[in-house]
């Protein structure tokens, strides 16, 4: 409920000021949580299937991408790698995903490694 209230206020403020078209909101974690409550009334780590949200600049709103099984344990359709997720964020933000950058140590890298943006999510 706390996140819902805060996120709604943020989106409404950005929309009212015209900044939502220029602002990309990303909500995600570094791992998912099991859909089953454990003995401590919590949830264990579960990277097998979890949700993220992309809102605003560069993203087509009002859609769901992918599908999990009925228990939320595994992805059935539309699996997204971390590299593809990062490439999608970069593309929505107008960054070049194929550009080779160089770290301060001289190591070449790309923003999303070999990831490809998910075209269905982009405007």
PDB file of N, CA and C in Angstrom:
ATOM      1  N   UNK A   1       0.827  -1.200   0.000  1.00  0.00           N
ATOM      2  CA  UNK A   1       0.000   0.000   0.000  1.00  0.00           C
ATOM      3  C   UNK A   1       0.869   1.263   0.000  1.00  0.00           C
ATOM      4  N   UNK A   2       1.999   1.212   0.708  1.00  0.00           N
ATOM      5  CA  UNK A   2       2.880   2.394   0.773  1.00  0.00           C
ATOM      6  C   UNK A   2       3.454   2.695  -0.611  1.00  0.00           C
ATOM      7  N   UNK A   3       3.929   1.656  -1.304  1.00  0.00           N
ATOM      8  CA  UNK A   3       4.475   1.861  -2.650  1.00  0.00           C
ATOM      9  C   UNK A   3       3.388   2.335  -3.605  1.00  0.00           C
ATOM     10  N   UNK A   4       2.206   1.738  -3.543  1.00  0.00           N
ATOM     11  CA  UNK A   4       1.107   2.139  -4.424  1.00  0.00           C
ATOM     12  C   UNK A   4       0.795   3.624  -4.284  1.00  0.00           C
ATOM     13  N   UNK A   5       0.707   4.099  -3.050  1.00  0.00           N
ATOM     14  CA  UNK A   5       0.383   5.506  -2.797  1.00  0.00           C
ATOM     15  C   UNK A   5       1.491   6.424  -3.308  1.00  0.00           C
ATOM     16  N   UNK A   6       2.740   6.083  -2.989  1.00  0.00           N
ATOM     17  CA  UNK A   6       3.865   6.929  -3.408  1.00  0.00           C
ATOM     18  C   UNK A   6       4.041   6.927  -4.919  1.00  0.00           C
ATOM     19  N   UNK A   7       3.938   5.751  -5.539  1.00  0.00           N
ATOM     20  CA  UNK A   7       4.112   5.659  -6.989  1.00  0.00           C
ATOM     21  C   UNK A   7       2.996   6.389  -7.725  1.00  0.00           C
ATOM     22  N   UNK A   8       1.780   6.247  -7.253  1.00  0.00           N
ATOM     23  CA  UNK A   8       0.650   6.966  -7.860  1.00  0.00           C
ATOM     24  C   UNK A   8       0.880   8.469  -7.792  1.00  0.00           C
ATOM     25  N   UNK A   9       1.307   8.961  -6.640  1.00  0.00           N
ATOM     26  CA  UNK A   9       1.574  10.400  -6.491  1.00  0.00           C
ATOM     27  C   UNK A   9       2.684  10.851  -7.432  1.00  0.00           C
ATOM     28  N   UNK A  10       3.742  10.054  -7.539  1.00  0.00           N
ATOM     29  CA  UNK A  10       4.849  10.408  -8.437  1.00  0.00           C
ATOM     30  C   UNK A  10       4.381  10.471  -9.883  1.00  0.00           C
ATOM     31  N   UNK A  11       3.668   9.439 -10.324  1.00  0.00           N
ATOM     32  CA  UNK A  11       3.186   9.406 -11.713  1.00  0.00           C
ATOM     33  C   UNK A  11       2.235  10.570 -11.987  1.00  0.00           C
ATOM     34  N   UNK A  12       1.319  10.834 -11.072  1.00  0.00           N
ATOM     35  CA  UNK A  12       0.375  11.941 -11.264  1.00  0.00           C
ATOM     36  C   UNK A  12       1.093  13.281 -11.317  1.00  0.00           C
ATOM     37  N   UNK A  13       2.088  13.488 -10.453  1.00  0.00           N
ATOM     38  CA  UNK A  13       2.858  14.740 -10.467  1.00  0.00           C
ATOM     39  C   UNK A  13       3.639  14.894 -11.772  1.00  0.00           C
ATOM     40  N   UNK A  14       4.292  13.810 -12.203  1.00  0.00           N
ATOM     41  CA  UNK A  14       5.052  13.875 -13.454  1.00  0.00           C
ATOM     42  C   UNK A  14       4.132  14.108 -14.647  1.00  0.00           C
ATOM     43  N   UNK A  15       2.975  13.462 -14.642  1.00  0.00           N
ATOM     44  CA  UNK A  15       2.005  13.649 -15.725  1.00  0.00           C
ATOM     45  C   UNK A  15       1.491  15.091 -15.757  1.00  0.00           C
ATOM     46  N   UNK A  16       1.137  15.620 -14.597  1.00  0.00           N
ATOM     47  CA  UNK A  16       0.598  16.977 -14.519  1.00  0.00           C
ATOM     48  C   UNK A  16       1.620  18.022 -14.971  1.00  0.00           C
ATOM     49  N   UNK A  17       2.890  17.771 -14.696  1.00  0.00           N
ATOM     50  CA  UNK A  17       3.927  18.734 -15.065  1.00  0.00           C
ATOM     51  C   UNK A  17       4.472  18.510 -16.470  1.00  0.00           C
ATOM     52  N   UNK A  18       4.002  17.446 -17.136  1.00  0.00           N
ATOM     53  CA  UNK A  18       4.484  17.143 -18.476  1.00  0.00           C
ATOM     54  C   UNK A  18       5.822  16.427 -18.493  1.00  0.00           C
ATOM     55  N   UNK A  19       6.322  16.045 -17.340  1.00  0.00           N
ATOM     56  CA  UNK A  19       7.640  15.413 -17.270  1.00  0.00           C
ATOM     57  C   UNK A  19       7.615  13.887 -17.425  1.00  0.00           C
ATOM     58  N   UNK A  20       6.441  13.275 -17.398  1.00  0.00           N
ATOM     59  CA  UNK A  20       6.391  11.814 -17.526  1.00  0.00           C
ATOM     60  C   UNK A  20       6.904  11.362 -18.891  1.00  0.00           C
ATOM     61  N   UNK A  21       6.743  12.200 -19.905  1.00  0.00           N
ATOM     62  CA  UNK A  21       7.241  11.861 -21.238  1.00  0.00           C
ATOM     63  C   UNK A  21       8.765  11.878 -21.300  1.00  0.00           C
ATOM     64  N   UNK A  22       9.402  12.516 -20.315  1.00  0.00           N
ATOM     65  CA  UNK A  22      10.862  12.624 -20.276  1.00  0.00           C
ATOM     66  C   UNK A  22      11.482  11.826 -19.137  1.00  0.00           C
ATOM     67  N   UNK A  23      10.658  11.176 -18.323  1.00  0.00           N
ATOM     68  CA  UNK A  23      11.138  10.460 -17.138  1.00  0.00           C
ATOM     69  C   UNK A  23      10.789   8.987 -17.248  1.00  0.00           C
ATOM     70  N   UNK A  24      11.780   8.136 -17.051  1.00  0.00           N
ATOM     71  CA  UNK A  24      11.560   6.694 -17.050  1.00  0.00           C
ATOM     72  C   UNK A  24      11.647   6.194 -15.617  1.00  0.00           C
ATOM     73  N   UNK A  25      10.568   5.603 -15.136  1.00  0.00           N
ATOM     74  CA  UNK A  25      10.529   5.010 -13.795  1.00  0.00           C
ATOM     75  C   UNK A  25      10.741   3.511 -13.952  1.00  0.00           C
ATOM     76  N   UNK A  26      11.721   2.975 -13.230  1.00  0.00           N
ATOM     77  CA  UNK A  26      12.016   1.546 -13.273  1.00  0.00           C
ATOM     78  C   UNK A  26      11.890   0.992 -11.858  1.00  0.00           C
ATOM     79  N   UNK A  27      11.049  -0.020 -11.694  1.00  0.00           N
ATOM     80  CA  UNK A  27      10.888  -0.683 -10.405  1.00  0.00           C
ATOM     81  C   UNK A  27      11.243  -2.148 -10.606  1.00  0.00           C
ATOM     82  N   UNK A  28      12.280  -2.591  -9.922  1.00  0.00           N
ATOM     83  CA  UNK A  28      12.718  -3.976 -10.049  1.00  0.00           C
ATOM     84  C   UNK A  28      13.554  -4.346  -8.831  1.00  0.00           C
ATOM     85  N   UNK A  29      13.981  -5.580  -8.765  1.00  0.00           N
ATOM     86  CA  UNK A  29      14.865  -6.043  -7.697  1.00  0.00           C
ATOM     87  C   UNK A  29      15.977  -6.867  -8.324  1.00  0.00           C
ATOM     88  N   UNK A  30      16.933  -7.260  -7.524  1.00  0.00           N
ATOM     89  CA  UNK A  30      18.013  -8.099  -8.037  1.00  0.00           C
ATOM     90  C   UNK A  30      17.649  -9.581  -7.995  1.00  0.00           C
ATOM     91  N   UNK A  31      16.516  -9.914  -7.395  1.00  0.00           N
ATOM     92  CA  UNK A  31      15.998 -11.287  -7.384  1.00  0.00           C
ATOM     93  C   UNK A  31      14.529 -11.233  -7.017  1.00  0.00           C
ATOM     94  N   UNK A  32      13.816 -12.297  -7.316  1.00  0.00           N
ATOM     95  CA  UNK A  32      12.406 -12.347  -6.957  1.00  0.00           C
ATOM     96  C   UNK A  32      12.217 -12.965  -5.585  1.00  0.00           C
ATOM     97  N   UNK A  33      10.983 -13.117  -5.221  1.00  0.00           N
ATOM     98  CA  UNK A  33      10.601 -13.779  -3.968  1.00  0.00           C
ATOM     99  C   UNK A  33       9.616 -14.885  -4.290  1.00  0.00           C
ATOM    100  N   UNK A  34       9.688 -15.965  -3.540  1.00  0.00           N
ATOM    101  CA  UNK A  34       8.770 -17.076  -3.776  1.00  0.00           C
ATOM    102  C   UNK A  34       7.335 -16.622  -3.567  1.00  0.00           C
ATOM    103  N   UNK A  35       6.419 -17.204  -4.315  1.00  0.00           N
ATOM    104  CA  UNK A  35       5.016 -16.871  -4.110  1.00  0.00           C
ATOM    105  C   UNK A  35       4.438 -17.547  -2.857  1.00  0.00           C
ATOM    106  N   UNK A  36       5.240 -18.381  -2.208  1.00  0.00           N
ATOM    107  CA  UNK A  36       4.793 -19.130  -1.037  1.00  0.00           C
ATOM    108  C   UNK A  36       5.392 -18.508   0.232  1.00  0.00           C
ATOM    109  N   UNK A  37       4.566 -18.278   1.227  1.00  0.00           N
ATOM    110  CA  UNK A  37       5.026 -17.742   2.515  1.00  0.00           C
ATOM    111  C   UNK A  37       5.761 -18.850   3.264  1.00  0.00           C
ATOM    112  N   UNK A  38       6.958 -18.516   3.812  1.00  0.00           N
ATOM    113  CA  UNK A  38       7.732 -19.518   4.547  1.00  0.00           C
ATOM    114  C   UNK A  38       7.337 -19.562   6.026  1.00  0.00           C
ATOM    115  N   UNK A  39       8.016 -20.374   6.816  1.00  0.00           N
ATOM    116  CA  UNK A  39       7.674 -20.568   8.234  1.00  0.00           C
ATOM    117  C   UNK A  39       7.868 -19.305   9.065  1.00  0.00           C
ATOM    118  N   UNK A  40       8.640 -18.347   8.566  1.00  0.00           N
ATOM    119  CA  UNK A  40       8.873 -17.084   9.272  1.00  0.00           C
ATOM    120  C   UNK A  40       7.949 -15.970   8.792  1.00  0.00           C
ATOM    121  N   UNK A  41       6.886 -16.339   8.080  1.00  0.00           N
ATOM    122  CA  UNK A  41       5.939 -15.383   7.499  1.00  0.00           C
ATOM    123  C   UNK A  41       6.591 -14.436   6.501  1.00  0.00           C
ATOM    124  N   UNK A  42       7.606 -14.930   5.816  1.00  0.00           N
ATOM    125  CA  UNK A  42       8.281 -14.162   4.777  1.00  0.00           C
ATOM    126  C   UNK A  42       8.348 -14.960   3.491  1.00  0.00           C
ATOM    127  N   UNK A  43       9.134 -14.475   2.581  1.00  0.00           N
ATOM    128  CA  UNK A  43       9.301 -15.155   1.298  1.00  0.00           C
ATOM    129  C   UNK A  43      10.796 -15.326   1.047  1.00  0.00           C
ATOM    130  N   UNK A  44      11.160 -16.461   0.499  1.00  0.00           N
ATOM    131  CA  UNK A  44      12.550 -16.752   0.195  1.00  0.00           C
ATOM    132  C   UNK A  44      12.943 -16.183  -1.170  1.00  0.00           C
ATOM    133  N   UNK A  45      14.266 -16.119  -1.429  1.00  0.00           N
ATOM    134  CA  UNK A  45      14.750 -15.668  -2.727  1.00  0.00           C
ATOM    135  C   UNK A  45      14.247 -16.610  -3.807  1.00  0.00           C
ATOM    136  N   UNK A  46      13.890 -16.037  -4.960  1.00  0.00           N
ATOM    137  CA  UNK A  46      13.378 -16.850  -6.056  1.00  0.00           C
ATOM    138  C   UNK A  46      13.588 -16.114  -7.377  1.00  0.00           C
ATOM    139  N   UNK A  47      14.708 -16.335  -8.029  1.00  0.00           N
ATOM    140  CA  UNK A  47      14.948 -15.650  -9.304  1.00  0.00           C
ATOM    141  C   UNK A  47      14.226 -16.281 -10.488  1.00  0.00           C
ATOM    142  N   UNK A  48      13.469 -17.344 -10.272  1.00  0.00           N
ATOM    143  CA  UNK A  48      12.830 -18.068 -11.368  1.00  0.00           C
ATOM    144  C   UNK A  48      11.732 -17.313 -12.087  1.00  0.00           C
ATOM    145  N   UNK A  49      11.047 -16.422 -11.402  1.00  0.00           N
ATOM    146  CA  UNK A  49       9.978 -15.630 -12.021  1.00  0.00           C
ATOM    147  C   UNK A  49       9.644 -14.474 -11.090  1.00  0.00           C
ATOM    148  N   UNK A  50       9.767 -13.267 -11.592  1.00  0.00           N
ATOM    149  CA  UNK A  50       9.347 -12.109 -10.812  1.00  0.00           C
ATOM    150  C   UNK A  50       9.045 -10.944 -11.727  1.00  0.00           C
ATOM    151  N   UNK A  51       8.426  -9.934 -11.182  1.00  0.00           N
ATOM    152  CA  UNK A  51       7.932  -8.814 -11.975  1.00  0.00           C
ATOM    153  C   UNK A  51       8.797  -7.574 -11.810  1.00  0.00           C
ATOM    154  N   UNK A  52       8.789  -6.768 -12.833  1.00  0.00           N
ATOM    155  CA  UNK A  52       9.394  -5.443 -12.827  1.00  0.00           C
ATOM    156  C   UNK A  52       8.406  -4.509 -13.508  1.00  0.00           C
ATOM    157  N   UNK A  53       8.584  -3.222 -13.317  1.00  0.00           N
ATOM    158  CA  UNK A  53       7.708  -2.243 -13.966  1.00  0.00           C
ATOM    159  C   UNK A  53       8.548  -1.173 -14.640  1.00  0.00           C
ATOM    160  N   UNK A  54       8.152  -0.816 -15.851  1.00  0.00           N
ATOM    161  CA  UNK A  54       8.738   0.297 -16.591  1.00  0.00           C
ATOM    162  C   UNK A  54       7.597   1.254 -16.899  1.00  0.00           C
ATOM    163  N   UNK A  55       7.765   2.509 -16.508  1.00  0.00           N
ATOM    164  CA  UNK A  55       6.694   3.503 -16.619  1.00  0.00           C
ATOM    165  C   UNK A  55       7.271   4.796 -17.174  1.00  0.00           C
ATOM    166  N   UNK A  56       6.609   5.348 -18.168  1.00  0.00           N
ATOM    167  CA  UNK A  56       6.979   6.683 -18.621  1.00  0.00           C
ATOM    168  C   UNK A  56       7.723   6.700 -19.930  1.00  0.00           C
ATOM    169  N   UNK A  57       8.752   7.541 -19.997  1.00  0.00           N
ATOM    170  CA  UNK A  57       9.467   7.859 -21.227  1.00  0.00           C
ATOM    171  C   UNK A  57       9.910   6.625 -21.994  1.00  0.00           C
ATOM    172  N   UNK A  58       9.514   6.563 -23.259  1.00  0.00           N
ATOM    173  CA  UNK A  58       9.969   5.517 -24.150  1.00  0.00           C
ATOM    174  C   UNK A  58       9.249   4.190 -24.034  1.00  0.00           C
ATOM    175  N   UNK A  59       8.294   4.066 -23.108  1.00  0.00           N
ATOM    176  CA  UNK A  59       7.606   2.801 -22.860  1.00  0.00           C
ATOM    177  C   UNK A  59       6.133   2.919 -23.245  1.00  0.00           C
ATOM    178  N   UNK A  60       5.617   1.903 -23.939  1.00  0.00           N
ATOM    179  CA  UNK A  60       4.184   1.824 -24.226  1.00  0.00           C
ATOM    180  C   UNK A  60       3.478   1.440 -22.931  1.00  0.00           C
ATOM    181  N   UNK A  61       2.585   2.260 -22.471  1.00  0.00           N
ATOM    182  CA  UNK A  61       1.883   1.997 -21.217  1.00  0.00           C
ATOM    183  C   UNK A  61       0.759   0.995 -21.347  1.00  0.00           C
ATOM    184  N   UNK A  62       0.298   0.517 -20.205  1.00  0.00           N
ATOM    185  CA  UNK A  62      -0.890  -0.322 -20.147  1.00  0.00           C
ATOM    186  C   UNK A  62      -0.738  -1.714 -20.695  1.00  0.00           C
ATOM    187  N   UNK A  63       0.428  -2.301 -20.600  1.00  0.00           N
ATOM    188  CA  UNK A  63       0.611  -3.645 -21.132  1.00  0.00           C
ATOM    189  C   UNK A  63       1.368  -4.536 -20.147  1.00  0.00           C
ATOM    190  N   UNK A  64       1.234  -5.812 -20.362  1.00  0.00           N
ATOM    191  CA  UNK A  64       1.968  -6.812 -19.599  1.00  0.00           C
ATOM    192  C   UNK A  64       2.796  -7.595 -20.598  1.00  0.00           C
ATOM    193  N   UNK A  65       4.055  -7.841 -20.261  1.00  0.00           N
ATOM    194  CA  UNK A  65       4.927  -8.622 -21.134  1.00  0.00           C
ATOM    195  C   UNK A  65       5.328  -9.884 -20.380  1.00  0.00           C
ATOM    196  N   UNK A  66       5.098 -11.027 -20.979  1.00  0.00           N
ATOM    197  CA  UNK A  66       5.481 -12.292 -20.373  1.00  0.00           C
ATOM    198  C   UNK A  66       4.355 -12.913 -19.568  1.00  0.00           C
ATOM    199  N   UNK A  67       4.595 -14.167 -19.177  1.00  0.00           N
ATOM    200  CA  UNK A  67       3.585 -14.904 -18.434  1.00  0.00           C
ATOM    201  C   UNK A  67       4.281 -15.959 -17.579  1.00  0.00           C
ATOM    202  N   UNK A  68       3.815 -16.096 -16.345  1.00  0.00           N
ATOM    203  CA  UNK A  68       4.335 -17.148 -15.475  1.00  0.00           C
ATOM    204  C   UNK A  68       3.291 -18.247 -15.342  1.00  0.00           C
ATOM    205  N   UNK A  69       3.692 -19.354 -14.719  1.00  0.00           N
ATOM    206  CA  UNK A  69       2.720 -20.404 -14.448  1.00  0.00           C
ATOM    207  C   UNK A  69       1.726 -19.911 -13.404  1.00  0.00           C
ATOM    208  N   UNK A  70       0.695 -20.681 -13.141  1.00  0.00           N
ATOM    209  CA  UNK A  70      -0.375 -20.227 -12.250  1.00  0.00           C
ATOM    210  C   UNK A  70       0.072 -20.046 -10.799  1.00  0.00           C
ATOM    211  N   UNK A  71       1.228 -20.568 -10.430  1.00  0.00           N
ATOM    212  CA  UNK A  71       1.748 -20.391  -9.071  1.00  0.00           C
ATOM    213  C   UNK A  71       2.849 -19.326  -8.996  1.00  0.00           C
ATOM    214  N   UNK A  72       3.234 -18.766 -10.142  1.00  0.00           N
ATOM    215  CA  UNK A  72       4.282 -17.757 -10.171  1.00  0.00           C
ATOM    216  C   UNK A  72       5.666 -18.312  -9.905  1.00  0.00           C
ATOM    217  N   UNK A  73       5.863 -19.583 -10.204  1.00  0.00           N
ATOM    218  CA  UNK A  73       7.141 -20.234  -9.929  1.00  0.00           C
ATOM    219  C   UNK A  73       8.118 -20.181 -11.100  1.00  0.00           C
ATOM    220  N   UNK A  74       7.595 -20.182 -12.342  1.00  0.00           N
ATOM    221  CA  UNK A  74       8.492 -20.168 -13.489  1.00  0.00           C
ATOM    222  C   UNK A  74       7.854 -19.393 -14.637  1.00  0.00           C
ATOM    223  N   UNK A  75       8.700 -18.883 -15.507  1.00  0.00           N
ATOM    224  CA  UNK A  75       8.245 -18.129 -16.668  1.00  0.00           C
ATOM    225  C   UNK A  75       7.813 -19.109 -17.756  1.00  0.00           C
ATOM    226  N   UNK A  76       6.618 -18.909 -18.281  1.00  0.00           N
ATOM    227  CA  UNK A  76       6.112 -19.730 -19.375  1.00  0.00           C
ATOM    228  C   UNK A  76       6.331 -19.080 -20.735  1.00  0.00           C
ATOM    229  N   UNK A  77       6.293 -17.748 -20.763  1.00  0.00           N
ATOM    230  CA  UNK A  77       6.389 -17.035 -22.031  1.00  0.00           C
ATOM    231  C   UNK A  77       7.003 -15.663 -21.788  1.00  0.00           C
ATOM    232  N   UNK A  78       7.901 -15.251 -22.683  1.00  0.00           N
ATOM    233  CA  UNK A  78       8.463 -13.913 -22.598  1.00  0.00           C
ATOM    234  C   UNK A  78       9.553 -13.752 -21.554  1.00  0.00           C
ATOM    235  N   UNK A  79      10.399 -14.761 -21.392  1.00  0.00           N
ATOM    236  CA  UNK A  79      11.487 -14.634 -20.428  1.00  0.00           C
ATOM    237  C   UNK A  79      12.403 -13.478 -20.851  1.00  0.00           C
ATOM    238  N   UNK A  80      12.855 -12.706 -19.885  1.00  0.00           N
ATOM    239  CA  UNK A  80      13.699 -11.540 -20.145  1.00  0.00           C
ATOM    240  C   UNK A  80      14.990 -11.697 -19.349  1.00  0.00           C
ATOM    241  N   UNK A  81      16.111 -11.675 -20.042  1.00  0.00           N
ATOM    242  CA  UNK A  81      17.405 -11.751 -19.362  1.00  0.00           C
ATOM    243  C   UNK A  81      17.731 -10.385 -18.752  1.00  0.00           C
ATOM    244  N   UNK A  82      18.621 -10.341 -17.764  1.00  0.00           N
ATOM    245  CA  UNK A  82      19.051  -9.036 -17.239  1.00  0.00           C
ATOM    246  C   UNK A  82      19.625  -8.141 -18.328  1.00  0.00           C
ATOM    247  N   UNK A  83      20.342  -8.737 -19.283  1.00  0.00           N
ATOM    248  CA  UNK A  83      20.926  -7.945 -20.371  1.00  0.00           C
ATOM    249  C   UNK A  83      19.837  -7.336 -21.254  1.00  0.00           C
ATOM    250  N   UNK A  84      18.798  -8.107 -21.560  1.00  0.00           N
ATOM    251  CA  UNK A  84      17.698  -7.580 -22.375  1.00  0.00           C
ATOM    252  C   UNK A  84      16.916  -6.516 -21.604  1.00  0.00           C
ATOM    253  N   UNK A  85      16.732  -6.722 -20.302  1.00  0.00           N
ATOM    254  CA  UNK A  85      16.055  -5.724 -19.469  1.00  0.00           C
ATOM    255  C   UNK A  85      16.839  -4.411 -19.488  1.00  0.00           C
ATOM    256  N   UNK A  86      18.164  -4.505 -19.292  1.00  0.00           N
ATOM    257  CA  UNK A  86      19.008  -3.305 -19.315  1.00  0.00           C
ATOM    258  C   UNK A  86      19.013  -2.646 -20.690  1.00  0.00           C
ATOM    259  N   UNK A  87      19.012  -3.447 -21.739  1.00  0.00           N
ATOM    260  CA  UNK A  87      18.976  -2.886 -23.092  1.00  0.00           C
ATOM    261  C   UNK A  87      17.657  -2.160 -23.347  1.00  0.00           C
ATOM    262  N   UNK A  88      16.571  -2.688 -22.811  1.00  0.00           N
ATOM    263  CA  UNK A  88      15.262  -2.049 -22.965  1.00  0.00           C
ATOM    264  C   UNK A  88      15.234  -0.709 -22.234  1.00  0.00           C
ATOM    265  N   UNK A  89      15.766  -0.672 -21.026  1.00  0.00           N
ATOM    266  CA  UNK A  89      15.861   0.584 -20.275  1.00  0.00           C
ATOM    267  C   UNK A  89      16.701   1.589 -21.049  1.00  0.00           C
ATOM    268  N   UNK A  90      17.846   1.141 -21.541  1.00  0.00           N
ATOM    269  CA  UNK A  90      18.739   2.038 -22.284  1.00  0.00           C
ATOM    270  C   UNK A  90      18.057   2.578 -23.533  1.00  0.00           C
ATOM    271  N   UNK A  91      17.383   1.699 -24.282  1.00  0.00           N
ATOM    272  CA  UNK A  91      16.701   2.137 -25.508  1.00  0.00           C
ATOM    273  C   UNK A  91      15.583   3.127 -25.183  1.00  0.00           C
ATOM    274  N   UNK A  92      14.818   2.865 -24.127  1.00  0.00           N
ATOM    275  CA  UNK A  92      13.741   3.782 -23.735  1.00  0.00           C
ATOM    276  C   UNK A  92      14.304   5.145 -23.340  1.00  0.00           C
ATOM    277  N   UNK A  93      15.499   5.130 -22.764  1.00  0.00           N
ATOM    278  CA  UNK A  93      16.142   6.382 -22.343  1.00  0.00           C
ATOM    279  C   UNK A  93      16.905   7.061 -23.487  1.00  0.00           C
ATOM    280  N   UNK A  94      16.890   6.441 -24.660  1.00  0.00           N
ATOM    281  CA  UNK A  94      17.559   7.035 -25.810  1.00  0.00           C
ATOM    282  C   UNK A  94      19.053   6.796 -25.867  1.00  0.00           C
ATOM    283  N   UNK A  95      19.536   5.817 -25.116  1.00  0.00           N
ATOM    284  CA  UNK A  95      20.963   5.507 -25.124  1.00  0.00           C
ATOM    285  C   UNK A  95      21.274   4.492 -26.221  1.00  0.00           C
ATOM    286  N   UNK A  96      22.472   4.543 -26.741  1.00  0.00           N
ATOM    287  CA  UNK A  96      22.902   3.628 -27.789  1.00  0.00           C
ATOM    288  C   UNK A  96      23.360   2.314 -27.158  1.00  0.00           C
ATOM    289  N   UNK A  97      22.615   1.239 -27.405  1.00  0.00           N
ATOM    290  CA  UNK A  97      22.945  -0.045 -26.787  1.00  0.00           C
ATOM    291  C   UNK A  97      24.111  -0.749 -27.470  1.00  0.00           C
ATOM    292  N   UNK A  98      24.413  -0.376 -28.701  1.00  0.00           N
ATOM    293  CA  UNK A  98      25.516  -1.025 -29.427  1.00  0.00           C
ATOM    294  C   UNK A  98      26.834  -0.263 -29.299  1.00  0.00           C
ATOM    295  N   UNK A  99      26.792   0.932 -28.739  1.00  0.00           N
ATOM    296  CA  UNK A  99      28.007   1.734 -28.603  1.00  0.00           C
ATOM    297  C   UNK A  99      28.975   1.078 -27.628  1.00  0.00           C
ATOM    298  N   UNK A 100      30.223   0.965 -28.019  1.00  0.00           N
ATOM    299  CA  UNK A 100      31.245   0.416 -27.135  1.00  0.00           C
ATOM    300  C   UNK A 100      31.831   1.567 -26.323  1.00  0.00           C
ATOM    301  N   UNK A 101      31.740   1.425 -25.016  1.00  0.00           N
ATOM    302  CA  UNK A 101      32.295   2.406 -24.083  1.00  0.00           C
ATOM    303  C   UNK A 101      33.563   1.830 -23.481  1.00  0.00           C
ATOM    304  N   UNK A 102      34.351   2.667 -22.823  1.00  0.00           N
ATOM    305  CA  UNK A 102      35.586   2.203 -22.199  1.00  0.00           C
ATOM    306  C   UNK A 102      35.579   2.643 -20.748  1.00  0.00           C
ATOM    307  N   UNK A 103      35.782   1.686 -19.850  1.00  0.00           N
ATOM    308  CA  UNK A 103      35.815   1.990 -18.415  1.00  0.00           C
ATOM    309  C   UNK A 103      37.086   2.767 -18.088  1.00  0.00           C
ATOM    310  N   UNK A 104      37.145   3.395 -16.907  1.00  0.00           N
ATOM    311  CA  UNK A 104      38.364   4.107 -16.509  1.00  0.00           C
ATOM    312  C   UNK A 104      39.603   3.201 -16.511  1.00  0.00           C
ATOM    313  N   UNK A 105      39.402   1.899 -16.365  1.00  0.00           N
ATOM    314  CA  UNK A 105      40.514   0.942 -16.381  1.00  0.00           C
ATOM    315  C   UNK A 105      40.886   0.512 -17.795  1.00  0.00           C
ATOM    316  N   UNK A 106      40.162   1.021 -18.794  1.00  0.00           N
ATOM    317  CA  UNK A 106      40.459   0.692 -20.181  1.00  0.00           C
ATOM    318  C   UNK A 106      39.718  -0.515 -20.720  1.00  0.00           C
ATOM    319  N   UNK A 107      38.751  -1.044 -19.968  1.00  0.00           N
ATOM    320  CA  UNK A 107      37.990  -2.220 -20.403  1.00  0.00           C
ATOM    321  C   UNK A 107      36.821  -1.784 -21.280  1.00  0.00           C
ATOM    322  N   UNK A 108      36.721  -2.317 -22.497  1.00  0.00           N
ATOM    323  CA  UNK A 108      35.574  -1.982 -23.359  1.00  0.00           C
ATOM    324  C   UNK A 108      34.327  -2.736 -22.900  1.00  0.00           C
ATOM    325  N   UNK A 109      33.176  -2.079 -23.007  1.00  0.00           N
ATOM    326  CA  UNK A 109      31.909  -2.723 -22.644  1.00  0.00           C
ATOM    327  C   UNK A 109      30.764  -2.006 -23.344  1.00  0.00           C
ATOM    328  N   UNK A 110      29.626  -2.693 -23.397  1.00  0.00           N
ATOM    329  CA  UNK A 110      28.386  -2.099 -23.887  1.00  0.00           C
ATOM    330  C   UNK A 110      27.447  -1.963 -22.696  1.00  0.00           C
ATOM    331  N   UNK A 111      26.537  -1.008 -22.753  1.00  0.00           N
ATOM    332  CA  UNK A 111      25.611  -0.752 -21.655  1.00  0.00           C
ATOM    333  C   UNK A 111      24.892  -2.020 -21.219  1.00  0.00           C
ATOM    334  N   UNK A 112      24.470  -2.827 -22.169  1.00  0.00           N
ATOM    335  CA  UNK A 112      23.681  -4.021 -21.847  1.00  0.00           C
ATOM    336  C   UNK A 112      24.367  -5.296 -22.323  1.00  0.00           C
ATOM    337  N   UNK A 113      25.683  -5.274 -22.403  1.00  0.00           N
ATOM    338  CA  UNK A 113      26.445  -6.429 -22.870  1.00  0.00           C
ATOM    339  C   UNK A 113      25.914  -6.838 -24.235  1.00  0.00           C
ATOM    340  N   UNK A 114      25.398  -8.046 -24.380  1.00  0.00           N
ATOM    341  CA  UNK A 114      24.867  -8.505 -25.670  1.00  0.00           C
ATOM    342  C   UNK A 114      23.344  -8.478 -25.694  1.00  0.00           C
ATOM    343  N   UNK A 115      22.730  -7.800 -24.725  1.00  0.00           N
ATOM    344  CA  UNK A 115      21.275  -7.734 -24.628  1.00  0.00           C
ATOM    345  C   UNK A 115      20.650  -6.957 -25.770  1.00  0.00           C
ATOM    346  N   UNK A 116      19.423  -7.326 -26.071  1.00  0.00           N
ATOM    347  CA  UNK A 116      18.645  -6.657 -27.112  1.00  0.00           C
ATOM    348  C   UNK A 116      17.389  -6.055 -26.498  1.00  0.00           C
ATOM    349  N   UNK A 117      17.060  -4.821 -26.855  1.00  0.00           N
ATOM    350  CA  UNK A 117      15.838  -4.195 -26.337  1.00  0.00           C
ATOM    351  C   UNK A 117      14.588  -4.988 -26.735  1.00  0.00           C
ATOM    352  N   UNK A 118      13.607  -5.011 -25.860  1.00  0.00           N
ATOM    353  CA  UNK A 118      12.329  -5.667 -26.146  1.00  0.00           C
ATOM    354  C   UNK A 118      11.455  -4.660 -26.888  1.00  0.00           C
ATOM    355  N   UNK A 119      11.393  -4.813 -28.191  1.00  0.00           N
ATOM    356  CA  UNK A 119      10.707  -3.845 -29.051  1.00  0.00           C
ATOM    357  C   UNK A 119       9.237  -3.669 -28.685  1.00  0.00           C
ATOM    358  N   UNK A 120       8.586  -4.731 -28.248  1.00  0.00           N
ATOM    359  CA  UNK A 120       7.149  -4.652 -27.927  1.00  0.00           C
ATOM    360  C   UNK A 120       6.871  -3.689 -26.783  1.00  0.00           C
ATOM    361  N   UNK A 121       7.859  -3.397 -25.950  1.00  0.00           N
ATOM    362  CA  UNK A 121       7.656  -2.496 -24.814  1.00  0.00           C
ATOM    363  C   UNK A 121       7.933  -1.032 -25.142  1.00  0.00           C
ATOM    364  N   UNK A 122       8.606  -0.791 -26.244  1.00  0.00           N
ATOM    365  CA  UNK A 122       9.055   0.560 -26.567  1.00  0.00           C
ATOM    366  C   UNK A 122       8.070   1.309 -27.443  1.00  0.00           C
ATOM    367  N   UNK A 123       8.049   2.660 -27.266  1.00  0.00           N
ATOM    368  CA  UNK A 123       7.189   3.485 -28.108  1.00  0.00           C
ATOM    369  C   UNK A 123       7.850   3.718 -29.451  1.00  0.00           C
TER     370      UNK A 123
END
